[in-house]
């Protein structure tokens, strides 16, 4: 049975077909303020009951989809935002899957200290970790999403860390001359 069929079945216990059509398909905004408030109250009640009755796997899937959408929308901006850094998204993922750092590190076959340093932004991730994260998330968060998160952050560092750029430029010898 499809999701919409289940919804219809539940609604048909409470409403006639005509009421369902009028209220949900052809909503003509002719409700009084009181009817509007009552409808919103009923909707909130139904939604809260649905949320209370969600299984652990449904909650996990919902949170994963929310994280995936959050990452996709951020990547579409093409601008770095610290809140969306690789380490912050990895921290959020870890929270969503409800694993301790030790369990998560074991899942990924990474030393716990290394994972902790990556989560806290003290160490850079490698491509292998991104492949493992893709596999760990059942491909819901592909490796290239993780890579793009990290590459936006890296690009930002390259563009803004002028002090390091100057320091490293002083180490260059025999710079080629392209203009006379």
Protein backbone atom coordinates (compact mmCIF):
# COMPACT_ATOMS: atom_id res chain seq x y z
CA UNK A 1 0.00 0.00 0.00
CA UNK A 2 1.42 3.39 -0.99
CA UNK A 3 1.88 6.24 1.45
CA UNK A 4 -0.95 8.26 -0.09
CA UNK A 5 -3.26 5.25 0.16
CA UNK A 6 -2.42 4.92 3.86
CA UNK A 7 -3.11 8.61 4.39
CA UNK A 8 -6.42 8.32 2.54
CA UNK A 9 -7.39 5.29 4.62
CA UNK A 10 -6.70 7.20 7.85
CA UNK A 11 -8.54 10.30 6.66
CA UNK A 12 -11.53 8.28 5.48
CA UNK A 13 -12.04 7.08 9.04
CA UNK A 14 -12.63 10.69 10.08
CA UNK A 15 -14.11 12.35 6.96
CA UNK A 16 -16.40 11.61 4.02
CA UNK A 17 -14.92 11.60 0.52
CA UNK A 18 -16.57 14.96 -0.13
CA UNK A 19 -14.96 16.48 2.98
CA UNK A 20 -11.56 15.13 1.97
CA UNK A 21 -11.88 16.57 -1.54
CA UNK A 22 -13.14 19.94 -0.28
CA UNK A 23 -10.58 20.23 2.49
CA UNK A 24 -7.50 18.86 0.82
CA UNK A 25 -7.89 18.99 -2.94
CA UNK A 26 -10.00 22.07 -3.61
CA UNK A 27 -9.24 24.24 -0.64
CA UNK A 28 -10.99 27.50 -1.51
CA UNK A 29 -9.77 29.47 1.53
CA UNK A 30 -13.34 30.09 2.65
CA UNK A 31 -12.73 28.90 6.20
CA UNK A 32 -13.55 31.15 9.09
CA UNK A 33 -10.73 32.05 11.45
CA UNK A 34 -12.12 29.57 13.98
CA UNK A 35 -12.27 26.77 11.36
CA UNK A 36 -8.72 27.64 10.28
CA UNK A 37 -7.47 27.44 13.89
CA UNK A 38 -9.29 24.16 14.45
CA UNK A 39 -7.87 22.70 11.24
CA UNK A 40 -4.34 23.74 12.21
CA UNK A 41 -4.83 22.27 15.69
CA UNK A 42 -5.99 18.96 14.18
CA UNK A 43 -3.07 18.97 11.74
CA UNK A 44 -0.55 19.59 14.55
CA UNK A 45 -2.12 16.82 16.61
CA UNK A 46 -1.94 14.36 13.70
CA UNK A 47 1.64 15.37 12.96
CA UNK A 48 2.74 15.04 16.60
CA UNK A 49 1.08 11.63 16.85
CA UNK A 50 2.86 10.54 13.68
CA UNK A 51 6.19 11.78 15.03
CA UNK A 52 5.64 9.97 18.34
CA UNK A 53 4.95 6.72 16.52
CA UNK A 54 7.94 6.82 14.17
CA UNK A 55 10.34 3.90 14.36
CA UNK A 56 14.03 4.41 15.04
CA UNK A 57 14.83 3.60 11.42
CA UNK A 58 12.24 6.12 10.16
CA UNK A 59 13.74 8.80 12.40
CA UNK A 60 17.25 7.93 11.18
CA UNK A 61 16.15 8.06 7.53
CA UNK A 62 14.39 11.39 8.08
CA UNK A 63 17.44 12.90 9.73
CA UNK A 64 19.72 11.56 6.98
CA UNK A 65 17.49 13.09 4.30
CA UNK A 66 17.50 16.37 6.20
CA UNK A 67 21.32 16.34 6.38
CA UNK A 68 21.62 15.41 2.71
CA UNK A 69 19.29 18.24 1.66
CA UNK A 70 21.17 20.66 3.92
CA UNK A 71 24.49 19.69 2.30
CA UNK A 72 23.10 19.85 -1.26
CA UNK A 73 21.63 23.32 -0.69
CA UNK A 74 24.88 24.53 0.82
CA UNK A 75 26.97 23.14 -2.05
CA UNK A 76 24.74 25.00 -4.51
CA UNK A 77 25.84 28.31 -2.96
CA UNK A 78 29.50 27.72 -3.95
CA UNK A 79 30.51 29.84 -0.93
CA UNK A 80 32.28 28.62 2.18
CA UNK A 81 30.43 28.86 5.48
CA UNK A 82 32.13 27.57 8.64
CA UNK A 83 28.82 26.11 9.86
CA UNK A 84 28.98 23.73 6.86
CA UNK A 85 32.63 22.77 7.19
CA UNK A 86 33.56 19.13 6.69
CA UNK A 87 34.20 18.67 10.40
CA UNK A 88 30.88 20.26 11.42
CA UNK A 89 28.92 18.08 8.98
CA UNK A 90 30.82 14.99 10.12
CA UNK A 91 29.99 15.91 13.73
CA UNK A 92 26.32 16.27 12.77
CA UNK A 93 26.38 12.94 10.92
CA UNK A 94 27.91 11.28 13.98
CA UNK A 95 25.16 12.73 16.15
CA UNK A 96 22.44 11.57 13.73
CA UNK A 97 23.71 7.98 13.71
CA UNK A 98 23.94 8.09 17.50
CA UNK A 99 27.37 6.51 17.75
CA UNK A 100 30.14 7.31 20.17
CA UNK A 101 33.42 8.39 18.58
CA UNK A 102 34.87 5.00 19.49
CA UNK A 103 32.01 3.11 17.79
CA UNK A 104 32.04 5.43 14.79
CA UNK A 105 35.81 5.09 14.40
CA UNK A 106 35.46 1.31 14.57
CA UNK A 107 32.67 1.39 11.95
CA UNK A 108 34.98 3.31 9.61
CA UNK A 109 38.15 1.36 10.49
CA UNK A 110 39.88 4.59 11.51
CA UNK A 111 41.85 5.15 14.71
CA UNK A 112 39.65 6.86 17.29
CA UNK A 113 42.18 9.67 17.82
CA UNK A 114 42.40 10.38 14.10
CA UNK A 115 38.61 10.53 13.75
CA UNK A 116 38.38 12.79 16.78
CA UNK A 117 40.98 15.14 15.29
CA UNK A 118 39.07 15.25 11.97
CA UNK A 119 35.73 15.87 13.72
CA UNK A 120 37.33 18.69 15.70
CA UNK A 121 38.95 20.24 12.62
CA UNK A 122 42.51 19.51 13.79
CA UNK A 123 43.33 17.09 10.97
CA UNK A 124 42.33 16.97 7.32
CA UNK A 125 40.27 14.08 5.94
CA UNK A 126 41.49 11.92 3.09
CA UNK A 127 39.62 10.45 0.15
CA UNK A 128 39.59 7.00 1.75
CA UNK A 129 37.53 8.37 4.63
CA UNK A 130 35.08 9.91 2.17
CA UNK A 131 34.58 6.56 0.44
CA UNK A 132 34.01 4.94 3.83
CA UNK A 133 31.48 7.61 4.81
CA UNK A 134 29.59 6.95 1.58
CA UNK A 135 29.48 3.23 2.34
CA UNK A 136 28.60 3.85 6.00
CA UNK A 137 25.63 6.03 4.97
CA UNK A 138 24.40 3.37 2.52
CA UNK A 139 25.33 5.81 -0.27
CA UNK A 140 22.89 8.47 0.95
CA UNK A 141 25.85 10.81 1.42
CA UNK A 142 28.11 10.11 -1.57
CA UNK A 143 31.88 10.54 -1.29
CA UNK A 144 31.77 13.47 -3.72
CA UNK A 145 29.47 15.40 -1.33
CA UNK A 146 32.04 14.99 1.41
CA UNK A 147 34.82 15.95 -1.01
CA UNK A 148 32.97 19.07 -2.15
CA UNK A 149 32.41 20.12 1.48
CA UNK A 150 36.12 19.79 2.11
CA UNK A 151 37.19 21.40 -1.17
CA UNK A 152 35.07 24.52 -0.52
CA UNK A 153 36.75 24.81 2.86
CA UNK A 154 40.20 24.26 1.36
CA UNK A 155 39.57 26.82 -1.38
CA UNK A 156 38.51 29.34 1.27
CA UNK A 157 41.74 28.71 3.21
CA UNK A 158 43.84 29.15 0.07
CA UNK A 159 42.12 32.43 -0.79
CA UNK A 160 42.18 33.94 2.69
CA UNK A 161 45.38 32.74 4.41
CA UNK A 162 47.59 35.54 3.12
CA UNK A 163 50.06 35.19 5.97
CA UNK A 164 50.83 31.60 5.03
CA UNK A 165 50.93 32.50 1.33
CA UNK A 166 53.59 35.15 2.03
CA UNK A 167 55.54 32.78 4.29
CA UNK A 168 55.56 30.05 1.64
CA UNK A 169 56.39 32.45 -1.21
CA UNK A 170 59.61 33.39 0.59
CA UNK A 171 60.78 29.77 0.25
CA UNK A 172 60.59 29.86 -3.57
CA UNK A 173 63.83 30.22 -5.52
CA UNK A 174 64.34 30.92 -9.20
CA UNK A 175 60.82 32.11 -9.89
CA UNK A 176 60.19 32.01 -13.63
CA UNK A 177 59.90 35.38 -15.38
CA UNK A 178 56.98 35.60 -17.77
CA UNK A 179 56.89 39.35 -18.37
CA UNK A 180 59.75 41.60 -19.32
